[in-house]
Amino acid sequence: MKTTTNIKGQLAEYKAGLRALELGYTPSKPIFSARYDLILDDTKRLMRVQIKYADAKLSNSDGSVSVKLAYEDRKRKVYTYQDKEVDGLIVYIPKIDKLCFFPPRVFVGKEKISIRYAKTKNNQKKGIVFAEDYFW
């Protein structure tokens, strides 16, 4: 079977749903198109979560992936996620078979984020989003 973008997205959603159950959440899907893919219910609150499959390698860096967060309309206007649209971002990184949960402060208003799953060669830490800090 050919792995399409759609199949990759569904795989990430299934992995996130299974992990949510393991952590005690009840996962649900919106019945209409929304800016989020999954609703997580912990009996105290509902969280709207966007899910991404991250296999886009950065051309200038080993050990990290890039996640596109924005989309363009026909008039080339760019839209990013805003605080009132989603409560979290779950990213599946197939290279390490792990999920990361990011709070809005990490992704809101950004067109993309780079996630590092391996140490940098120069040990840089400032300004880097390390996957291990957000493993879910």
N, C-alpha and C. Protein backbone atom coordinates (compact mmCIF):
# COMPACT_ATOMS: atom_id res chain seq x y z
N MET A 1 0.85 -1.18 0.00
CA MET A 1 0.00 0.00 0.00
C MET A 1 0.89 1.24 0.00
N LYS A 2 0.54 2.19 -0.82
CA LYS A 2 1.28 3.45 -0.89
C LYS A 2 0.89 4.32 0.31
N THR A 3 1.91 4.86 0.98
CA THR A 3 1.66 5.71 2.14
C THR A 3 1.46 7.15 1.66
N THR A 4 0.24 7.61 1.72
CA THR A 4 -0.08 8.97 1.29
C THR A 4 -0.07 9.91 2.49
N THR A 5 -0.14 11.18 2.22
CA THR A 5 -0.22 12.19 3.28
C THR A 5 -1.44 11.93 4.16
N ASN A 6 -2.55 11.56 3.52
CA ASN A 6 -3.78 11.27 4.27
C ASN A 6 -3.58 10.09 5.22
N ILE A 7 -2.96 9.03 4.73
CA ILE A 7 -2.73 7.85 5.57
C ILE A 7 -1.79 8.18 6.72
N LYS A 8 -0.76 8.97 6.45
CA LYS A 8 0.16 9.38 7.52
C LYS A 8 -0.58 10.17 8.60
N GLY A 9 -1.45 11.07 8.18
CA GLY A 9 -2.23 11.85 9.14
C GLY A 9 -3.14 10.97 9.97
N GLN A 10 -3.77 9.99 9.33
CA GLN A 10 -4.64 9.07 10.06
C GLN A 10 -3.85 8.22 11.05
N LEU A 11 -2.66 7.79 10.64
CA LEU A 11 -1.80 7.02 11.54
C LEU A 11 -1.46 7.83 12.79
N ALA A 12 -1.09 9.09 12.59
CA ALA A 12 -0.78 9.97 13.73
C ALA A 12 -2.00 10.13 14.63
N GLU A 13 -3.18 10.28 14.04
CA GLU A 13 -4.40 10.42 14.83
C GLU A 13 -4.70 9.16 15.64
N TYR A 14 -4.52 7.99 15.04
CA TYR A 14 -4.77 6.74 15.76
C TYR A 14 -3.78 6.56 16.91
N LYS A 15 -2.51 6.87 16.65
CA LYS A 15 -1.50 6.76 17.71
C LYS A 15 -1.83 7.72 18.86
N ALA A 16 -2.25 8.94 18.52
CA ALA A 16 -2.61 9.93 19.54
C ALA A 16 -3.84 9.47 20.33
N GLY A 17 -4.83 8.92 19.63
CA GLY A 17 -6.03 8.43 20.31
C GLY A 17 -5.72 7.29 21.27
N LEU A 18 -4.88 6.37 20.83
CA LEU A 18 -4.49 5.25 21.69
C LEU A 18 -3.72 5.75 22.92
N ARG A 19 -2.79 6.67 22.70
CA ARG A 19 -2.01 7.21 23.83
C ARG A 19 -2.92 7.97 24.79
N ALA A 20 -3.89 8.69 24.26
CA ALA A 20 -4.84 9.41 25.10
C ALA A 20 -5.58 8.44 26.02
N LEU A 21 -6.03 7.32 25.46
CA LEU A 21 -6.71 6.30 26.28
C LEU A 21 -5.78 5.77 27.37
N GLU A 22 -4.52 5.51 27.01
CA GLU A 22 -3.55 5.01 27.99
C GLU A 22 -3.35 6.00 29.14
N LEU A 23 -3.46 7.29 28.84
CA LEU A 23 -3.26 8.33 29.85
C LEU A 23 -4.55 8.70 30.59
N GLY A 24 -5.67 8.03 30.26
CA GLY A 24 -6.91 8.26 30.98
C GLY A 24 -7.85 9.27 30.36
N TYR A 25 -7.55 9.75 29.16
CA TYR A 25 -8.44 10.66 28.45
C TYR A 25 -9.46 9.86 27.64
N THR A 26 -10.60 10.46 27.38
CA THR A 26 -11.54 9.92 26.41
C THR A 26 -11.36 10.75 25.14
N PRO A 27 -10.83 10.14 24.07
CA PRO A 27 -10.64 10.89 22.83
C PRO A 27 -11.91 10.88 21.98
N SER A 28 -12.21 12.00 21.35
CA SER A 28 -13.35 12.12 20.44
C SER A 28 -12.92 12.92 19.22
N LYS A 29 -13.64 12.72 18.12
CA LYS A 29 -13.36 13.48 16.90
C LYS A 29 -14.52 14.42 16.60
N PRO A 30 -14.21 15.63 16.13
CA PRO A 30 -15.30 16.52 15.73
C PRO A 30 -16.01 15.94 14.50
N ILE A 31 -17.32 16.14 14.41
CA ILE A 31 -18.05 15.58 13.27
C ILE A 31 -18.02 16.49 12.04
N PHE A 32 -17.66 17.74 12.23
CA PHE A 32 -17.51 18.67 11.11
C PHE A 32 -16.07 19.14 11.06
N SER A 33 -15.68 19.68 9.93
CA SER A 33 -14.33 20.20 9.75
C SER A 33 -14.03 21.28 10.79
N ALA A 34 -12.89 21.16 11.44
CA ALA A 34 -12.50 22.12 12.48
C ALA A 34 -10.99 22.32 12.42
N ARG A 35 -10.49 23.28 13.16
CA ARG A 35 -9.04 23.55 13.21
C ARG A 35 -8.33 22.54 14.10
N TYR A 36 -9.06 21.65 14.72
CA TYR A 36 -8.47 20.62 15.57
C TYR A 36 -8.93 19.25 15.09
N ASP A 37 -8.13 18.23 15.39
CA ASP A 37 -8.41 16.87 14.93
C ASP A 37 -9.01 15.97 16.00
N LEU A 38 -8.77 16.32 17.26
CA LEU A 38 -9.16 15.44 18.36
C LEU A 38 -9.60 16.28 19.55
N ILE A 39 -10.55 15.74 20.30
CA ILE A 39 -10.98 16.36 21.55
C ILE A 39 -10.60 15.39 22.66
N LEU A 40 -9.87 15.88 23.66
CA LEU A 40 -9.47 15.05 24.79
C LEU A 40 -10.28 15.45 26.01
N ASP A 41 -10.96 14.47 26.60
CA ASP A 41 -11.82 14.69 27.76
C ASP A 41 -11.21 14.00 28.97
N ASP A 42 -10.88 14.78 30.00
CA ASP A 42 -10.36 14.19 31.24
C ASP A 42 -11.39 14.27 32.37
N THR A 43 -12.64 14.46 32.03
CA THR A 43 -13.82 14.62 32.90
C THR A 43 -13.88 15.98 33.59
N LYS A 44 -12.82 16.77 33.51
CA LYS A 44 -12.83 18.11 34.09
C LYS A 44 -12.84 19.18 33.00
N ARG A 45 -12.28 18.82 31.85
CA ARG A 45 -12.20 19.81 30.77
C ARG A 45 -12.04 19.10 29.44
N LEU A 46 -12.45 19.79 28.39
CA LEU A 46 -12.28 19.30 27.02
C LEU A 46 -11.13 20.09 26.38
N MET A 47 -10.19 19.37 25.78
CA MET A 47 -9.06 20.01 25.11
C MET A 47 -9.13 19.75 23.62
N ARG A 48 -9.02 20.83 22.84
CA ARG A 48 -9.01 20.71 21.37
C ARG A 48 -7.55 20.57 20.93
N VAL A 49 -7.27 19.49 20.20
CA VAL A 49 -5.88 19.19 19.85
C VAL A 49 -5.73 19.00 18.34
N GLN A 50 -4.73 19.65 17.78
CA GLN A 50 -4.36 19.44 16.38
C GLN A 50 -3.27 18.37 16.36
N ILE A 51 -3.31 17.49 15.37
CA ILE A 51 -2.34 16.40 15.29
C ILE A 51 -1.57 16.48 13.97
N LYS A 52 -0.26 16.28 14.06
CA LYS A 52 0.60 16.33 12.88
C LYS A 52 1.51 15.11 12.83
N TYR A 53 1.82 14.67 11.62
CA TYR A 53 2.78 13.60 11.35
C TYR A 53 4.04 14.30 10.87
N ALA A 54 5.15 14.12 11.57
CA ALA A 54 6.37 14.88 11.26
C ALA A 54 7.47 14.01 10.68
N ASP A 55 7.58 14.02 9.36
CA ASP A 55 8.69 13.32 8.73
C ASP A 55 9.46 14.20 7.75
N ALA A 56 9.17 15.50 7.77
CA ALA A 56 9.86 16.43 6.88
C ALA A 56 11.22 16.78 7.48
N LYS A 57 12.28 16.28 6.85
CA LYS A 57 13.62 16.53 7.35
C LYS A 57 14.07 17.93 6.97
N LEU A 58 14.85 18.53 7.85
CA LEU A 58 15.44 19.82 7.54
C LEU A 58 16.68 19.59 6.69
N SER A 59 16.84 20.36 5.64
CA SER A 59 17.96 20.14 4.72
C SER A 59 19.31 20.43 5.36
N ASN A 60 19.34 21.29 6.36
CA ASN A 60 20.61 21.70 6.96
C ASN A 60 20.87 21.05 8.31
N SER A 61 20.10 20.04 8.69
CA SER A 61 20.25 19.51 10.04
C SER A 61 19.82 18.05 10.13
N ASP A 62 20.69 17.23 10.69
CA ASP A 62 20.33 15.84 11.00
C ASP A 62 19.73 15.81 12.39
N GLY A 63 18.82 14.90 12.63
CA GLY A 63 18.27 14.74 13.97
C GLY A 63 17.13 15.67 14.31
N SER A 64 16.50 16.26 13.30
CA SER A 64 15.34 17.11 13.56
C SER A 64 14.35 17.03 12.41
N VAL A 65 13.11 17.39 12.72
CA VAL A 65 12.05 17.41 11.72
C VAL A 65 11.35 18.76 11.77
N SER A 66 10.74 19.09 10.66
CA SER A 66 10.00 20.34 10.55
C SER A 66 8.51 20.02 10.44
N VAL A 67 7.70 20.82 11.11
CA VAL A 67 6.25 20.63 11.08
C VAL A 67 5.61 21.91 10.55
N LYS A 68 4.91 21.79 9.43
CA LYS A 68 4.21 22.94 8.86
C LYS A 68 2.91 23.16 9.62
N LEU A 69 2.70 24.38 10.08
CA LEU A 69 1.52 24.70 10.88
C LEU A 69 0.56 25.66 10.19
N ALA A 70 1.01 26.31 9.14
CA ALA A 70 0.19 27.33 8.48
C ALA A 70 -0.39 26.81 7.17
N TYR A 71 -1.43 27.47 6.72
CA TYR A 71 -1.93 27.19 5.38
C TYR A 71 -2.24 28.51 4.69
N GLU A 72 -2.24 28.46 3.36
CA GLU A 72 -2.52 29.65 2.54
C GLU A 72 -3.85 29.47 1.84
N ASP A 73 -4.61 30.56 1.76
CA ASP A 73 -5.84 30.49 0.97
C ASP A 73 -5.52 30.84 -0.48
N ARG A 74 -6.53 30.90 -1.32
CA ARG A 74 -6.32 31.17 -2.75
C ARG A 74 -5.73 32.55 -3.01
N LYS A 75 -5.93 33.46 -2.08
CA LYS A 75 -5.39 34.81 -2.24
C LYS A 75 -4.00 34.94 -1.61
N ARG A 76 -3.43 33.80 -1.23
CA ARG A 76 -2.10 33.72 -0.62
C ARG A 76 -2.01 34.34 0.77
N LYS A 77 -3.14 34.45 1.44
CA LYS A 77 -3.13 34.91 2.83
C LYS A 77 -2.77 33.71 3.69
N VAL A 78 -1.81 33.91 4.60
CA VAL A 78 -1.31 32.83 5.45
C VAL A 78 -2.06 32.82 6.78
N TYR A 79 -2.49 31.63 7.19
CA TYR A 79 -3.21 31.46 8.46
C TYR A 79 -2.39 30.56 9.38
N THR A 80 -2.24 30.99 10.62
CA THR A 80 -1.56 30.19 11.64
C THR A 80 -2.56 29.89 12.76
N TYR A 81 -2.22 28.95 13.62
CA TYR A 81 -3.10 28.63 14.74
C TYR A 81 -3.10 29.76 15.76
N GLN A 82 -4.28 30.03 16.29
CA GLN A 82 -4.44 31.08 17.30
C GLN A 82 -4.89 30.45 18.62
N ASP A 83 -4.69 31.18 19.71
CA ASP A 83 -5.03 30.70 21.06
C ASP A 83 -6.45 30.15 21.18
N LYS A 84 -7.40 30.81 20.55
CA LYS A 84 -8.80 30.44 20.72
C LYS A 84 -9.24 29.27 19.84
N GLU A 85 -8.32 28.76 19.00
CA GLU A 85 -8.68 27.67 18.08
C GLU A 85 -8.29 26.29 18.60
N VAL A 86 -7.14 26.18 19.22
CA VAL A 86 -6.64 24.89 19.69
C VAL A 86 -5.99 25.04 21.06
N ASP A 87 -6.04 23.95 21.83
CA ASP A 87 -5.46 23.95 23.18
C ASP A 87 -4.14 23.20 23.25
N GLY A 88 -3.80 22.50 22.18
CA GLY A 88 -2.55 21.74 22.17
C GLY A 88 -2.25 21.21 20.79
N LEU A 89 -1.01 20.80 20.61
CA LEU A 89 -0.54 20.22 19.35
C LEU A 89 0.15 18.90 19.69
N ILE A 90 -0.30 17.82 19.07
CA ILE A 90 0.36 16.53 19.22
C ILE A 90 1.07 16.23 17.91
N VAL A 91 2.36 15.93 18.01
CA VAL A 91 3.16 15.62 16.83
C VAL A 91 3.70 14.20 16.96
N TYR A 92 3.44 13.40 15.92
CA TYR A 92 4.00 12.05 15.86
C TYR A 92 5.27 12.10 15.02
N ILE A 93 6.38 11.61 15.60
CA ILE A 93 7.66 11.58 14.90
C ILE A 93 7.99 10.11 14.61
N PRO A 94 7.73 9.65 13.39
CA PRO A 94 7.92 8.23 13.07
C PRO A 94 9.37 7.75 13.18
N LYS A 95 10.31 8.63 12.95
CA LYS A 95 11.73 8.26 13.02
C LYS A 95 12.09 7.67 14.39
N ILE A 96 11.43 8.16 15.45
CA ILE A 96 11.69 7.66 16.80
C ILE A 96 10.45 6.99 17.41
N ASP A 97 9.38 6.92 16.63
CA ASP A 97 8.10 6.34 17.06
C ASP A 97 7.62 6.90 18.40
N LYS A 98 7.59 8.24 18.48
CA LYS A 98 7.16 8.93 19.70
C LYS A 98 6.17 10.03 19.37
N LEU A 99 5.34 10.34 20.36
CA LEU A 99 4.42 11.47 20.29
C LEU A 99 4.93 12.57 21.21
N CYS A 100 4.74 13.80 20.79
CA CYS A 100 5.06 14.96 21.62
C CYS A 100 3.79 15.80 21.76
N PHE A 101 3.56 16.33 22.95
CA PHE A 101 2.43 17.23 23.19
C PHE A 101 2.99 18.62 23.46
N PHE A 102 2.59 19.58 22.62
CA PHE A 102 3.07 20.95 22.75
C PHE A 102 1.94 21.87 23.21
N PRO A 103 2.20 22.70 24.22
CA PRO A 103 1.22 23.70 24.64
C PRO A 103 1.21 24.85 23.64
N PRO A 104 0.16 25.66 23.64
CA PRO A 104 0.04 26.75 22.66
C PRO A 104 1.24 27.69 22.60
N ARG A 105 1.91 27.95 23.71
CA ARG A 105 3.03 28.90 23.70
C ARG A 105 4.14 28.48 22.73
N VAL A 106 4.20 27.19 22.39
CA VAL A 106 5.24 26.69 21.50
C VAL A 106 4.89 26.92 20.03
N PHE A 107 3.60 26.90 19.67
CA PHE A 107 3.24 26.90 18.26
C PHE A 107 2.29 28.00 17.80
N VAL A 108 1.55 28.64 18.69
CA VAL A 108 0.56 29.64 18.26
C VAL A 108 1.25 30.78 17.51
N GLY A 109 0.68 31.12 16.35
CA GLY A 109 1.19 32.22 15.55
C GLY A 109 2.38 31.87 14.67
N LYS A 110 2.85 30.63 14.72
CA LYS A 110 4.03 30.23 13.93
C LYS A 110 3.60 29.48 12.67
N GLU A 111 4.37 29.68 11.61
CA GLU A 111 4.09 28.98 10.35
C GLU A 111 4.65 27.57 10.36
N LYS A 112 5.71 27.35 11.14
CA LYS A 112 6.28 26.01 11.27
C LYS A 112 7.12 25.96 12.54
N ILE A 113 7.36 24.74 13.01
CA ILE A 113 8.31 24.56 14.10
C ILE A 113 9.26 23.43 13.72
N SER A 114 10.48 23.54 14.19
CA SER A 114 11.48 22.49 14.02
C SER A 114 11.63 21.79 15.35
N ILE A 115 11.56 20.48 15.32
CA ILE A 115 11.66 19.68 16.54
C ILE A 115 12.91 18.82 16.46
N ARG A 116 13.76 18.94 17.44
CA ARG A 116 15.01 18.19 17.47
C ARG A 116 14.84 16.94 18.32
N TYR A 117 15.10 15.77 17.71
CA TYR A 117 15.00 14.51 18.44
C TYR A 117 16.37 13.90 18.75
N ALA A 118 17.44 14.54 18.26
CA ALA A 118 18.81 14.11 18.56
C ALA A 118 19.59 15.34 19.01
N LYS A 119 20.64 15.11 19.78
CA LYS A 119 21.45 16.23 20.28
C LYS A 119 22.10 16.97 19.12
N THR A 120 22.31 18.26 19.33
CA THR A 120 23.01 19.06 18.32
C THR A 120 24.49 18.73 18.37
N LYS A 121 25.17 18.90 17.25
CA LYS A 121 26.61 18.62 17.20
C LYS A 121 27.41 19.61 18.03
N ASN A 122 26.91 20.84 18.13
CA ASN A 122 27.64 21.87 18.88
C ASN A 122 27.07 22.07 20.30
N ASN A 123 26.18 21.17 20.72
CA ASN A 123 25.55 21.23 22.06
C ASN A 123 24.70 22.47 22.29
N GLN A 124 24.27 23.13 21.23
CA GLN A 124 23.40 24.30 21.37
C GLN A 124 22.09 23.88 22.01
N LYS A 125 21.59 24.70 22.92
CA LYS A 125 20.31 24.43 23.57
C LYS A 125 19.34 25.59 23.44
N LYS A 126 19.87 26.80 23.40
CA LYS A 126 19.04 28.00 23.36
C LYS A 126 18.25 28.07 22.05
N GLY A 127 16.94 28.31 22.19
CA GLY A 127 16.09 28.50 21.02
C GLY A 127 15.71 27.22 20.29
N ILE A 128 16.02 26.07 20.88
CA ILE A 128 15.73 24.80 20.21
C ILE A 128 14.57 24.09 20.92
N VAL A 129 13.67 23.53 20.13
CA VAL A 129 12.56 22.75 20.67
C VAL A 129 13.00 21.28 20.66
N PHE A 130 13.31 20.75 21.84
CA PHE A 130 13.74 19.36 21.96
C PHE A 130 12.53 18.46 22.17
N ALA A 131 12.43 17.42 21.34
CA ALA A 131 11.32 16.48 21.44
C ALA A 131 11.21 15.89 22.84
N GLU A 132 12.33 15.53 23.44
CA GLU A 132 12.30 14.85 24.75
C GLU A 132 11.65 15.70 25.84
N ASP A 133 11.65 17.01 25.67
CA ASP A 133 11.00 17.89 26.65
C ASP A 133 9.48 17.83 26.58
N TYR A 134 8.96 17.25 25.49
CA TYR A 134 7.52 17.23 25.26
C TYR A 134 6.96 15.83 25.01
N PHE A 135 7.76 14.78 25.27
CA PHE A 135 7.25 13.42 25.06
C PHE A 135 5.95 13.23 25.83
N TRP A 136 5.00 12.56 25.17
CA TRP A 136 3.66 12.39 25.74
C TRP A 136 3.36 10.93 25.89
